[in-house]
Amino acid sequence: MAKLVAQGAALVMLGTLWIGVPGCMENIALIGRPTIEEGRDDFVGEVDRVDVSGRRLYFRPNRDARRVVALSADARVLDRGREYPVAELRPGDVVAMQIRRDARGDPYADLIRIQESQTRRDVPAPRIETLAGRVGIINRRDNSFELDDRAGAPVSVLLSEYVRDSDRDRFRSLRAGEHVRIEGKFITRDRFELLSFLNNEDS
């Protein structure tokens, strides 16, 4: 009986979260990379529409009620062990989310797991790779820098729009000649999208 009462209270609380969706997500304070917390219930619903530029996900937890939840700047989608941008979500996808709160107490989601997909994602996600080398020319305006990994010509590294705030701060403190290790994926042969900075083991 106590368990049913607790579940009912949780549903009432979740119902009130959607009323206060923030109009601006720029001030959201994120801590670390989003992870699934054991023992914490997911909120399940069917995707109705995704507003990528506005960072909003419209969905239906049941057939007659549409809700909206704000998405963090680095929100990601997991489908059968692969990671995709939120733009890959399609109407009809059944997803599970954990609702978090920012520093102001506003609700948002940063990790979305697809339970049932309306789209078969046949195109494999790019392979995540690790690079290490010396920092060359840094372009703060373009959020990019050159990396000499001693394997050939320097690689042009561009920060992904999904990087964490801590990685953006790390980029701002970069200095030419510094040794770094990074994780990401190749866009072309000589262009690399940085997803995160790694601990430097041999600086």
N, C-alpha and C. Protein backbone atom coordinates (compact mmCIF):
# COMPACT_ATOMS: atom_id res chain seq x y z
N MET A 1 0.83 -1.20 0.00
CA MET A 1 0.00 0.00 0.00
C MET A 1 0.86 1.25 0.00
N ALA A 2 1.92 1.25 0.86
CA ALA A 2 2.82 2.40 0.94
C ALA A 2 3.51 2.64 -0.38
N LYS A 3 3.84 1.54 -1.10
CA LYS A 3 4.51 1.68 -2.39
C LYS A 3 3.59 2.33 -3.40
N LEU A 4 2.27 1.98 -3.40
CA LEU A 4 1.32 2.58 -4.32
C LEU A 4 1.14 4.05 -4.05
N VAL A 5 1.12 4.43 -2.77
CA VAL A 5 0.98 5.84 -2.40
C VAL A 5 2.19 6.62 -2.89
N ALA A 6 3.39 6.04 -2.71
CA ALA A 6 4.61 6.72 -3.14
C ALA A 6 4.63 6.90 -4.65
N GLN A 7 4.18 5.86 -5.41
CA GLN A 7 4.14 5.98 -6.86
C GLN A 7 3.15 7.03 -7.30
N GLY A 8 2.00 7.10 -6.63
CA GLY A 8 1.01 8.11 -6.97
C GLY A 8 1.53 9.51 -6.74
N ALA A 9 2.25 9.70 -5.64
CA ALA A 9 2.83 11.02 -5.35
C ALA A 9 3.86 11.39 -6.39
N ALA A 10 4.63 10.41 -6.85
CA ALA A 10 5.65 10.69 -7.86
C ALA A 10 5.01 11.13 -9.16
N LEU A 11 3.88 10.50 -9.55
CA LEU A 11 3.18 10.89 -10.78
C LEU A 11 2.63 12.29 -10.68
N VAL A 12 2.10 12.66 -9.52
CA VAL A 12 1.58 14.02 -9.33
C VAL A 12 2.70 15.02 -9.46
N MET A 13 3.87 14.73 -8.88
CA MET A 13 5.01 15.64 -8.96
C MET A 13 5.47 15.80 -10.39
N LEU A 14 5.56 14.70 -11.15
CA LEU A 14 5.98 14.78 -12.55
C LEU A 14 4.99 15.58 -13.37
N GLY A 15 3.70 15.47 -13.05
CA GLY A 15 2.70 16.21 -13.79
C GLY A 15 2.87 17.70 -13.65
N THR A 16 3.38 18.14 -12.50
CA THR A 16 3.57 19.57 -12.29
C THR A 16 4.85 20.09 -12.90
N LEU A 17 5.79 19.20 -13.22
CA LEU A 17 7.08 19.64 -13.76
C LEU A 17 6.93 20.32 -15.10
N TRP A 18 6.00 19.84 -15.93
CA TRP A 18 5.92 20.33 -17.31
C TRP A 18 5.36 21.74 -17.38
N ILE A 19 4.69 22.19 -16.34
CA ILE A 19 4.11 23.53 -16.35
C ILE A 19 5.19 24.58 -16.38
N GLY A 20 6.30 24.30 -15.70
CA GLY A 20 7.35 25.31 -15.55
C GLY A 20 8.52 25.11 -16.47
N VAL A 21 8.29 24.63 -17.70
CA VAL A 21 9.41 24.47 -18.63
C VAL A 21 10.04 25.81 -18.90
N PRO A 22 11.36 25.95 -18.77
CA PRO A 22 12.02 27.24 -18.91
C PRO A 22 11.99 27.74 -20.32
N GLY A 23 11.85 29.05 -20.50
CA GLY A 23 11.85 29.65 -21.82
C GLY A 23 13.24 29.76 -22.38
N CYS A 24 14.25 29.67 -21.55
CA CYS A 24 15.64 29.80 -22.02
C CYS A 24 16.50 28.80 -21.28
N MET A 25 17.29 28.03 -22.03
CA MET A 25 18.11 27.00 -21.43
C MET A 25 19.56 27.44 -21.29
N GLU A 26 19.87 28.70 -21.59
CA GLU A 26 21.26 29.12 -21.62
C GLU A 26 21.92 29.09 -20.24
N ASN A 27 21.10 29.21 -19.17
CA ASN A 27 21.67 29.30 -17.83
C ASN A 27 21.68 27.97 -17.10
N ILE A 28 21.36 26.89 -17.80
CA ILE A 28 21.34 25.59 -17.16
C ILE A 28 22.73 25.22 -16.67
N ALA A 29 22.81 24.76 -15.43
CA ALA A 29 24.10 24.33 -14.87
C ALA A 29 24.15 22.81 -14.91
N LEU A 30 25.01 22.28 -15.74
CA LEU A 30 25.15 20.83 -15.85
C LEU A 30 26.38 20.36 -15.10
N ILE A 31 26.28 19.20 -14.50
CA ILE A 31 27.39 18.64 -13.76
C ILE A 31 27.77 17.32 -14.40
N GLY A 32 28.93 17.30 -15.09
CA GLY A 32 29.41 16.06 -15.65
C GLY A 32 28.59 15.58 -16.84
N ARG A 33 28.85 14.37 -17.29
CA ARG A 33 28.17 13.80 -18.43
C ARG A 33 26.94 13.06 -17.95
N PRO A 34 25.79 13.12 -18.67
CA PRO A 34 24.57 12.49 -18.21
C PRO A 34 24.71 10.98 -18.08
N THR A 35 24.18 10.42 -17.02
CA THR A 35 24.25 8.98 -16.80
C THR A 35 22.92 8.49 -16.25
N ILE A 36 22.66 7.19 -16.43
CA ILE A 36 21.47 6.57 -15.85
C ILE A 36 21.75 6.24 -14.39
N GLU A 37 20.88 6.69 -13.52
CA GLU A 37 21.04 6.43 -12.10
C GLU A 37 20.21 5.22 -11.72
N GLU A 38 20.84 4.24 -11.09
CA GLU A 38 20.14 3.03 -10.68
C GLU A 38 19.11 3.37 -9.61
N GLY A 39 17.96 2.70 -9.74
CA GLY A 39 16.93 2.88 -8.74
C GLY A 39 16.06 4.10 -8.97
N ARG A 40 16.29 4.81 -10.08
CA ARG A 40 15.50 6.00 -10.37
C ARG A 40 14.58 5.72 -11.54
N ASP A 41 13.27 6.00 -11.37
CA ASP A 41 12.29 5.68 -12.40
C ASP A 41 12.45 6.58 -13.61
N ASP A 42 12.27 6.00 -14.81
CA ASP A 42 12.25 6.76 -16.04
C ASP A 42 10.83 7.25 -16.30
N PHE A 43 10.72 8.35 -17.07
CA PHE A 43 9.43 8.85 -17.50
C PHE A 43 9.29 8.46 -18.96
N VAL A 44 8.25 7.70 -19.29
CA VAL A 44 8.10 7.12 -20.63
C VAL A 44 6.99 7.84 -21.39
N GLY A 45 7.25 8.07 -22.69
CA GLY A 45 6.24 8.70 -23.53
C GLY A 45 6.53 8.48 -24.99
N GLU A 46 5.57 8.87 -25.84
CA GLU A 46 5.72 8.74 -27.29
C GLU A 46 6.06 10.09 -27.89
N VAL A 47 7.10 10.14 -28.70
CA VAL A 47 7.54 11.40 -29.30
C VAL A 47 6.47 11.93 -30.25
N ASP A 48 6.15 13.22 -30.09
CA ASP A 48 5.20 13.89 -30.97
C ASP A 48 5.94 14.81 -31.95
N ARG A 49 6.89 15.58 -31.42
CA ARG A 49 7.66 16.50 -32.26
C ARG A 49 8.93 16.89 -31.52
N VAL A 50 10.01 17.17 -32.28
CA VAL A 50 11.26 17.62 -31.70
C VAL A 50 11.60 19.00 -32.27
N ASP A 51 11.78 19.97 -31.39
CA ASP A 51 12.22 21.31 -31.78
C ASP A 51 13.70 21.40 -31.44
N VAL A 52 14.56 21.12 -32.43
CA VAL A 52 15.99 21.05 -32.18
C VAL A 52 16.55 22.42 -31.79
N SER A 53 16.23 23.45 -32.58
CA SER A 53 16.77 24.78 -32.30
C SER A 53 16.26 25.34 -30.98
N GLY A 54 15.02 25.04 -30.64
CA GLY A 54 14.45 25.52 -29.38
C GLY A 54 14.72 24.61 -28.20
N ARG A 55 15.37 23.46 -28.47
CA ARG A 55 15.68 22.49 -27.42
C ARG A 55 14.44 22.08 -26.63
N ARG A 56 13.45 21.61 -27.37
CA ARG A 56 12.19 21.16 -26.77
C ARG A 56 11.80 19.82 -27.36
N LEU A 57 11.29 18.95 -26.51
CA LEU A 57 10.77 17.67 -26.95
C LEU A 57 9.30 17.60 -26.57
N TYR A 58 8.44 17.46 -27.58
CA TYR A 58 7.00 17.33 -27.36
C TYR A 58 6.66 15.84 -27.43
N PHE A 59 5.95 15.36 -26.45
CA PHE A 59 5.66 13.93 -26.40
C PHE A 59 4.35 13.68 -25.66
N ARG A 60 3.88 12.46 -25.76
CA ARG A 60 2.62 12.07 -25.13
C ARG A 60 2.85 10.90 -24.18
N PRO A 61 2.75 11.14 -22.86
CA PRO A 61 2.86 10.04 -21.91
C PRO A 61 1.66 9.09 -22.00
N ASN A 62 0.54 9.59 -22.55
CA ASN A 62 -0.60 8.73 -22.87
C ASN A 62 -1.24 9.31 -24.13
N ARG A 63 -2.28 8.71 -24.62
CA ARG A 63 -2.80 9.06 -25.94
C ARG A 63 -3.50 10.41 -26.02
N ASP A 64 -3.92 10.97 -24.91
CA ASP A 64 -4.71 12.19 -25.00
C ASP A 64 -4.06 13.40 -24.32
N ALA A 65 -2.83 13.31 -23.96
CA ALA A 65 -2.18 14.43 -23.28
C ALA A 65 -0.79 14.66 -23.86
N ARG A 66 -0.55 15.87 -24.38
CA ARG A 66 0.77 16.19 -24.91
C ARG A 66 1.52 17.04 -23.91
N ARG A 67 2.79 16.70 -23.71
CA ARG A 67 3.64 17.43 -22.78
C ARG A 67 4.88 17.91 -23.51
N VAL A 68 5.60 18.85 -22.89
CA VAL A 68 6.84 19.34 -23.47
C VAL A 68 7.89 19.38 -22.38
N VAL A 69 9.10 18.99 -22.73
CA VAL A 69 10.20 19.03 -21.77
C VAL A 69 11.38 19.72 -22.44
N ALA A 70 12.09 20.56 -21.71
CA ALA A 70 13.28 21.23 -22.23
C ALA A 70 14.43 20.23 -22.31
N LEU A 71 15.32 20.44 -23.28
CA LEU A 71 16.49 19.59 -23.47
C LEU A 71 17.76 20.39 -23.19
N SER A 72 18.71 19.77 -22.54
CA SER A 72 19.98 20.44 -22.28
C SER A 72 20.77 20.58 -23.57
N ALA A 73 21.80 21.44 -23.54
CA ALA A 73 22.60 21.69 -24.74
C ALA A 73 23.33 20.44 -25.21
N ASP A 74 23.66 19.53 -24.28
CA ASP A 74 24.38 18.32 -24.67
C ASP A 74 23.50 17.07 -24.57
N ALA A 75 22.18 17.26 -24.71
CA ALA A 75 21.27 16.12 -24.65
C ALA A 75 21.63 15.10 -25.73
N ARG A 76 21.53 13.83 -25.39
CA ARG A 76 21.88 12.78 -26.34
C ARG A 76 20.84 11.68 -26.31
N VAL A 77 20.81 10.90 -27.39
CA VAL A 77 19.84 9.82 -27.55
C VAL A 77 20.60 8.51 -27.66
N LEU A 78 20.16 7.51 -26.91
CA LEU A 78 20.77 6.18 -26.97
C LEU A 78 19.77 5.20 -27.56
N ASP A 79 20.22 4.44 -28.56
CA ASP A 79 19.38 3.43 -29.19
C ASP A 79 20.21 2.17 -29.40
N ARG A 80 19.94 1.15 -28.64
CA ARG A 80 20.63 -0.14 -28.75
C ARG A 80 22.14 0.00 -28.69
N GLY A 81 22.59 0.79 -27.73
CA GLY A 81 24.02 0.93 -27.48
C GLY A 81 24.71 1.97 -28.33
N ARG A 82 24.00 2.62 -29.25
CA ARG A 82 24.59 3.66 -30.08
C ARG A 82 24.06 5.03 -29.67
N GLU A 83 24.89 6.05 -29.89
CA GLU A 83 24.54 7.41 -29.51
C GLU A 83 24.20 8.24 -30.73
N TYR A 84 23.11 9.01 -30.64
CA TYR A 84 22.65 9.83 -31.75
C TYR A 84 22.28 11.23 -31.23
N PRO A 85 22.29 12.23 -32.12
CA PRO A 85 21.80 13.56 -31.72
C PRO A 85 20.28 13.53 -31.59
N VAL A 86 19.72 14.50 -30.88
CA VAL A 86 18.27 14.52 -30.65
C VAL A 86 17.51 14.69 -31.96
N ALA A 87 18.16 15.22 -33.00
CA ALA A 87 17.50 15.40 -34.29
C ALA A 87 17.10 14.06 -34.91
N GLU A 88 17.68 12.96 -34.42
CA GLU A 88 17.36 11.64 -34.95
C GLU A 88 16.05 11.09 -34.39
N LEU A 89 15.48 11.72 -33.37
CA LEU A 89 14.21 11.26 -32.84
C LEU A 89 13.11 11.46 -33.87
N ARG A 90 12.17 10.53 -33.94
CA ARG A 90 11.08 10.60 -34.91
C ARG A 90 9.73 10.47 -34.21
N PRO A 91 8.69 11.12 -34.75
CA PRO A 91 7.35 10.96 -34.18
C PRO A 91 6.97 9.49 -34.10
N GLY A 92 6.44 9.09 -32.97
CA GLY A 92 6.07 7.68 -32.77
C GLY A 92 7.09 6.89 -31.99
N ASP A 93 8.34 7.41 -31.91
CA ASP A 93 9.33 6.73 -31.08
C ASP A 93 8.87 6.74 -29.62
N VAL A 94 9.00 5.61 -28.98
CA VAL A 94 8.70 5.53 -27.54
C VAL A 94 10.02 5.68 -26.79
N VAL A 95 10.09 6.68 -25.93
CA VAL A 95 11.35 7.00 -25.26
C VAL A 95 11.18 7.01 -23.75
N ALA A 96 12.30 6.83 -23.06
CA ALA A 96 12.34 6.92 -21.60
C ALA A 96 13.34 8.01 -21.22
N MET A 97 12.94 8.87 -20.30
CA MET A 97 13.79 9.99 -19.89
C MET A 97 13.83 10.08 -18.37
N GLN A 98 14.90 10.64 -17.87
CA GLN A 98 14.98 11.00 -16.46
C GLN A 98 14.94 12.52 -16.38
N ILE A 99 14.05 13.04 -15.58
CA ILE A 99 13.90 14.47 -15.47
C ILE A 99 14.81 15.00 -14.37
N ARG A 100 15.65 15.97 -14.73
CA ARG A 100 16.55 16.60 -13.78
C ARG A 100 16.11 18.04 -13.58
N ARG A 101 16.78 18.74 -12.67
CA ARG A 101 16.48 20.16 -12.43
C ARG A 101 17.77 20.96 -12.50
N ASP A 102 17.68 22.15 -13.11
CA ASP A 102 18.86 23.00 -13.20
C ASP A 102 19.02 23.80 -11.92
N ALA A 103 19.96 24.76 -11.92
CA ALA A 103 20.25 25.53 -10.71
C ALA A 103 19.05 26.35 -10.26
N ARG A 104 18.15 26.68 -11.19
CA ARG A 104 16.96 27.46 -10.84
C ARG A 104 15.78 26.59 -10.44
N GLY A 105 15.95 25.27 -10.55
CA GLY A 105 14.87 24.37 -10.20
C GLY A 105 13.98 24.00 -11.37
N ASP A 106 14.33 24.45 -12.59
CA ASP A 106 13.52 24.14 -13.77
C ASP A 106 13.84 22.73 -14.27
N PRO A 107 12.83 21.98 -14.73
CA PRO A 107 13.05 20.60 -15.19
C PRO A 107 13.62 20.55 -16.60
N TYR A 108 14.44 19.55 -16.87
CA TYR A 108 14.99 19.33 -18.20
C TYR A 108 15.44 17.88 -18.31
N ALA A 109 15.70 17.46 -19.55
CA ALA A 109 16.20 16.10 -19.80
C ALA A 109 17.52 16.20 -20.56
N ASP A 110 18.47 15.33 -20.22
CA ASP A 110 19.74 15.33 -20.94
C ASP A 110 20.10 13.95 -21.48
N LEU A 111 19.32 12.94 -21.17
CA LEU A 111 19.57 11.59 -21.66
C LEU A 111 18.24 10.94 -22.01
N ILE A 112 18.12 10.50 -23.27
CA ILE A 112 16.87 9.92 -23.76
C ILE A 112 17.18 8.54 -24.33
N ARG A 113 16.49 7.54 -23.85
CA ARG A 113 16.68 6.18 -24.35
C ARG A 113 15.49 5.76 -25.19
N ILE A 114 15.74 5.28 -26.38
CA ILE A 114 14.66 4.82 -27.26
C ILE A 114 14.28 3.39 -26.87
N GLN A 115 13.01 3.20 -26.55
CA GLN A 115 12.52 1.86 -26.22
C GLN A 115 11.90 1.16 -27.43
N GLU A 116 11.14 1.94 -28.22
CA GLU A 116 10.57 1.43 -29.46
C GLU A 116 10.77 2.48 -30.53
N SER A 117 11.36 2.09 -31.67
CA SER A 117 11.70 3.05 -32.71
C SER A 117 10.82 2.89 -33.94
N GLN A 118 10.40 4.02 -34.52
CA GLN A 118 9.63 4.01 -35.75
C GLN A 118 10.54 4.06 -36.97
N THR A 119 11.83 4.29 -36.75
CA THR A 119 12.78 4.40 -37.84
C THR A 119 13.93 3.43 -37.63
N ARG A 120 14.22 2.65 -38.64
CA ARG A 120 15.37 1.75 -38.56
C ARG A 120 16.62 2.54 -38.92
N ARG A 121 17.53 2.69 -38.00
CA ARG A 121 18.74 3.47 -38.22
C ARG A 121 19.82 2.56 -38.79
N ASP A 122 19.79 2.41 -40.13
CA ASP A 122 20.71 1.50 -40.79
C ASP A 122 22.11 2.08 -40.91
N VAL A 123 22.20 3.42 -40.93
CA VAL A 123 23.50 4.04 -41.07
C VAL A 123 24.24 3.95 -39.74
N PRO A 124 25.37 3.25 -39.69
CA PRO A 124 26.08 3.09 -38.42
C PRO A 124 26.62 4.42 -37.91
N ALA A 125 26.61 4.58 -36.61
CA ALA A 125 27.17 5.79 -36.02
C ALA A 125 28.68 5.81 -36.23
N PRO A 126 29.26 6.98 -36.45
CA PRO A 126 30.71 7.07 -36.65
C PRO A 126 31.46 6.48 -35.45
N ARG A 127 32.59 5.85 -35.76
CA ARG A 127 33.39 5.22 -34.71
C ARG A 127 34.09 6.29 -33.86
N ILE A 128 33.98 6.15 -32.55
CA ILE A 128 34.63 7.08 -31.63
C ILE A 128 36.10 6.71 -31.52
N GLU A 129 36.97 7.71 -31.69
CA GLU A 129 38.41 7.47 -31.66
C GLU A 129 39.09 8.41 -30.69
N THR A 130 40.32 8.08 -30.34
CA THR A 130 41.13 8.90 -29.44
C THR A 130 42.36 9.40 -30.18
N LEU A 131 42.65 10.68 -30.05
CA LEU A 131 43.84 11.27 -30.64
C LEU A 131 44.67 11.93 -29.54
N ALA A 132 45.97 12.00 -29.76
CA ALA A 132 46.86 12.67 -28.82
C ALA A 132 47.94 13.39 -29.62
N GLY A 133 48.33 14.57 -29.15
CA GLY A 133 49.37 15.32 -29.84
C GLY A 133 49.54 16.71 -29.27
N ARG A 134 50.31 17.53 -29.99
CA ARG A 134 50.58 18.89 -29.57
C ARG A 134 49.63 19.86 -30.24
N VAL A 135 49.16 20.82 -29.47
CA VAL A 135 48.24 21.84 -29.99
C VAL A 135 49.02 22.82 -30.86
N GLY A 136 48.46 23.11 -32.03
CA GLY A 136 49.06 24.09 -32.92
C GLY A 136 48.29 25.40 -32.87
N ILE A 137 47.88 25.89 -34.03
CA ILE A 137 47.13 27.15 -34.11
C ILE A 137 45.75 26.98 -33.48
N ILE A 138 45.37 27.95 -32.65
CA ILE A 138 44.07 27.92 -31.98
C ILE A 138 43.20 29.04 -32.54
N ASN A 139 41.98 28.71 -32.92
CA ASN A 139 41.01 29.70 -33.41
C ASN A 139 39.84 29.75 -32.44
N ARG A 140 39.84 30.73 -31.56
CA ARG A 140 38.79 30.83 -30.54
C ARG A 140 37.43 31.13 -31.16
N ARG A 141 37.42 31.94 -32.22
CA ARG A 141 36.14 32.32 -32.81
C ARG A 141 35.43 31.14 -33.45
N ASP A 142 36.19 30.22 -34.04
CA ASP A 142 35.59 29.06 -34.69
C ASP A 142 35.55 27.82 -33.79
N ASN A 143 35.99 27.98 -32.53
CA ASN A 143 36.03 26.84 -31.60
C ASN A 143 36.81 25.67 -32.21
N SER A 144 38.00 25.98 -32.74
CA SER A 144 38.79 24.94 -33.39
C SER A 144 40.27 25.15 -33.08
N PHE A 145 41.04 24.09 -33.32
CA PHE A 145 42.50 24.19 -33.19
C PHE A 145 43.13 23.07 -34.02
N GLU A 146 44.41 23.24 -34.29
CA GLU A 146 45.16 22.22 -35.02
C GLU A 146 45.85 21.29 -34.02
N LEU A 147 45.91 20.01 -34.39
CA LEU A 147 46.56 19.02 -33.53
C LEU A 147 47.59 18.26 -34.35
N ASP A 148 48.83 18.28 -33.90
CA ASP A 148 49.91 17.53 -34.54
C ASP A 148 50.06 16.20 -33.81
N ASP A 149 49.56 15.12 -34.43
CA ASP A 149 49.62 13.80 -33.79
C ASP A 149 50.79 12.97 -34.28
N ARG A 150 51.70 13.62 -35.04
CA ARG A 150 52.94 12.98 -35.52
C ARG A 150 52.69 11.86 -36.51
N ALA A 151 51.44 11.70 -36.97
CA ALA A 151 51.14 10.64 -37.92
C ALA A 151 51.05 11.17 -39.35
N GLY A 152 51.27 12.45 -39.52
CA GLY A 152 51.15 13.05 -40.84
C GLY A 152 50.88 14.54 -40.69
N ALA A 153 50.06 15.08 -41.60
CA ALA A 153 49.72 16.50 -41.55
C ALA A 153 48.86 16.78 -40.32
N PRO A 154 48.93 18.00 -39.78
CA PRO A 154 48.10 18.35 -38.62
C PRO A 154 46.61 18.13 -38.90
N VAL A 155 45.89 17.75 -37.87
CA VAL A 155 44.45 17.52 -37.97
C VAL A 155 43.73 18.75 -37.45
N SER A 156 42.71 19.20 -38.16
CA SER A 156 41.89 20.32 -37.72
C SER A 156 40.81 19.80 -36.79
N VAL A 157 40.81 20.26 -35.55
CA VAL A 157 39.88 19.77 -34.53
C VAL A 157 38.82 20.83 -34.26
N LEU A 158 37.56 20.43 -34.36
CA LEU A 158 36.44 21.34 -34.14
C LEU A 158 35.60 20.83 -32.98
N LEU A 159 35.28 21.73 -32.04
CA LEU A 159 34.46 21.33 -30.90
C LEU A 159 33.05 20.98 -31.35
N SER A 160 32.53 19.86 -30.90
CA SER A 160 31.15 19.49 -31.19
C SER A 160 30.20 20.42 -30.44
N GLU A 161 29.03 20.66 -31.01
CA GLU A 161 28.04 21.48 -30.31
C GLU A 161 27.50 20.77 -29.07
N TYR A 162 27.79 19.48 -28.94
CA TYR A 162 27.29 18.69 -27.81
C TYR A 162 28.29 18.53 -26.67
N VAL A 163 29.45 19.21 -26.74
CA VAL A 163 30.45 19.05 -25.67
C VAL A 163 29.93 19.63 -24.37
N ARG A 164 30.46 19.12 -23.28
CA ARG A 164 30.09 19.60 -21.95
C ARG A 164 30.67 20.99 -21.71
N ASP A 165 30.08 21.69 -20.77
CA ASP A 165 30.58 23.01 -20.40
C ASP A 165 32.03 22.93 -19.92
N SER A 166 32.37 21.85 -19.22
CA SER A 166 33.73 21.70 -18.72
C SER A 166 34.74 21.57 -19.87
N ASP A 167 34.31 20.95 -20.99
CA ASP A 167 35.20 20.83 -22.15
C ASP A 167 35.34 22.17 -22.86
N ARG A 168 34.30 22.97 -22.87
CA ARG A 168 34.41 24.32 -23.44
C ARG A 168 35.39 25.16 -22.62
N ASP A 169 35.31 25.01 -21.30
CA ASP A 169 36.25 25.73 -20.44
C ASP A 169 37.68 25.26 -20.69
N ARG A 170 37.82 23.95 -20.91
CA ARG A 170 39.16 23.40 -21.19
C ARG A 170 39.70 23.98 -22.49
N PHE A 171 38.84 24.11 -23.49
CA PHE A 171 39.27 24.68 -24.77
C PHE A 171 39.73 26.12 -24.60
N ARG A 172 39.02 26.89 -23.79
CA ARG A 172 39.38 28.29 -23.59
C ARG A 172 40.75 28.45 -22.94
N SER A 173 41.18 27.42 -22.21
CA SER A 173 42.48 27.50 -21.53
C SER A 173 43.61 26.87 -22.33
N LEU A 174 43.33 26.36 -23.53
CA LEU A 174 44.36 25.73 -24.35
C LEU A 174 45.47 26.71 -24.71
N ARG A 175 46.68 26.16 -24.81
CA ARG A 175 47.82 26.95 -25.23
C ARG A 175 48.57 26.19 -26.33
N ALA A 176 49.11 26.92 -27.30
CA ALA A 176 49.89 26.30 -28.38
C ALA A 176 51.08 25.56 -27.78
N GLY A 177 51.35 24.37 -28.28
CA GLY A 177 52.45 23.55 -27.78
C GLY A 177 52.05 22.60 -26.67
N GLU A 178 50.87 22.76 -26.14
CA GLU A 178 50.39 21.89 -25.06
C GLU A 178 50.04 20.52 -25.60
N HIS A 179 50.34 19.48 -24.82
CA HIS A 179 50.01 18.11 -25.21
C HIS A 179 48.63 17.76 -24.68
N VAL A 180 47.75 17.27 -25.56
CA VAL A 180 46.39 16.92 -25.15
C VAL A 180 46.00 15.56 -25.71
N ARG A 181 45.05 14.94 -25.05
CA ARG A 181 44.40 13.73 -25.53
C ARG A 181 42.91 14.03 -25.66
N ILE A 182 42.33 13.68 -26.80
CA ILE A 182 40.93 14.01 -27.04
C ILE A 182 40.17 12.80 -27.58
N GLU A 183 38.86 12.86 -27.44
CA GLU A 183 37.99 11.79 -27.91
C GLU A 183 36.96 12.40 -28.86
N GLY A 184 36.69 11.71 -29.98
CA GLY A 184 35.71 12.22 -30.93
C GLY A 184 35.63 11.36 -32.16
N LYS A 185 35.30 11.99 -33.30
CA LYS A 185 35.13 11.23 -34.53
C LYS A 185 35.58 12.06 -35.73
N PHE A 186 36.11 11.40 -36.74
CA PHE A 186 36.56 12.07 -37.95
C PHE A 186 35.36 12.44 -38.82
N ILE A 187 35.33 13.71 -39.25
CA ILE A 187 34.31 14.17 -40.19
C ILE A 187 34.81 13.92 -41.61
N THR A 188 36.06 14.27 -41.85
CA THR A 188 36.77 13.95 -43.08
C THR A 188 38.14 13.42 -42.68
N ARG A 189 39.00 13.19 -43.65
CA ARG A 189 40.32 12.61 -43.34
C ARG A 189 41.15 13.50 -42.42
N ASP A 190 41.00 14.84 -42.60
CA ASP A 190 41.83 15.76 -41.81
C ASP A 190 41.02 16.68 -40.91
N ARG A 191 39.74 16.37 -40.71
CA ARG A 191 38.90 17.16 -39.80
C ARG A 191 38.30 16.23 -38.75
N PHE A 192 38.40 16.64 -37.49
CA PHE A 192 38.02 15.79 -36.36
C PHE A 192 37.06 16.55 -35.46
N GLU A 193 35.93 15.94 -35.11
CA GLU A 193 34.96 16.55 -34.21
C GLU A 193 35.24 16.10 -32.78
N LEU A 194 35.57 17.04 -31.92
CA LEU A 194 35.92 16.72 -30.54
C LEU A 194 34.66 16.59 -29.68
N LEU A 195 34.55 15.46 -28.99
CA LEU A 195 33.44 15.23 -28.08
C LEU A 195 33.84 15.46 -26.64
N SER A 196 35.11 15.22 -26.31
CA SER A 196 35.55 15.45 -24.94
C SER A 196 37.08 15.44 -24.86
N PHE A 197 37.60 16.16 -23.86
CA PHE A 197 39.01 16.09 -23.55
C PHE A 197 39.23 14.95 -22.57
N LEU A 198 40.33 14.23 -22.71
CA LEU A 198 40.66 13.13 -21.82
C LEU A 198 41.82 13.54 -20.92
N ASN A 199 42.00 12.81 -19.84
CA ASN A 199 43.13 13.08 -18.95
C ASN A 199 44.43 12.88 -19.69
N ASN A 200 45.36 13.79 -19.51
CA ASN A 200 46.65 13.73 -20.21
C ASN A 200 47.60 12.85 -19.41
N GLU A 201 47.94 11.70 -19.99
CA GLU A 201 48.75 10.72 -19.27
C GLU A 201 50.25 10.95 -19.40
N ASP A 202 50.65 11.67 -20.47
CA ASP A 202 52.09 11.84 -20.67
C ASP A 202 52.40 13.25 -21.14
N SER A 203 51.95 14.23 -20.35
CA SER A 203 52.19 15.62 -20.73
C SER A 203 53.65 15.96 -20.51
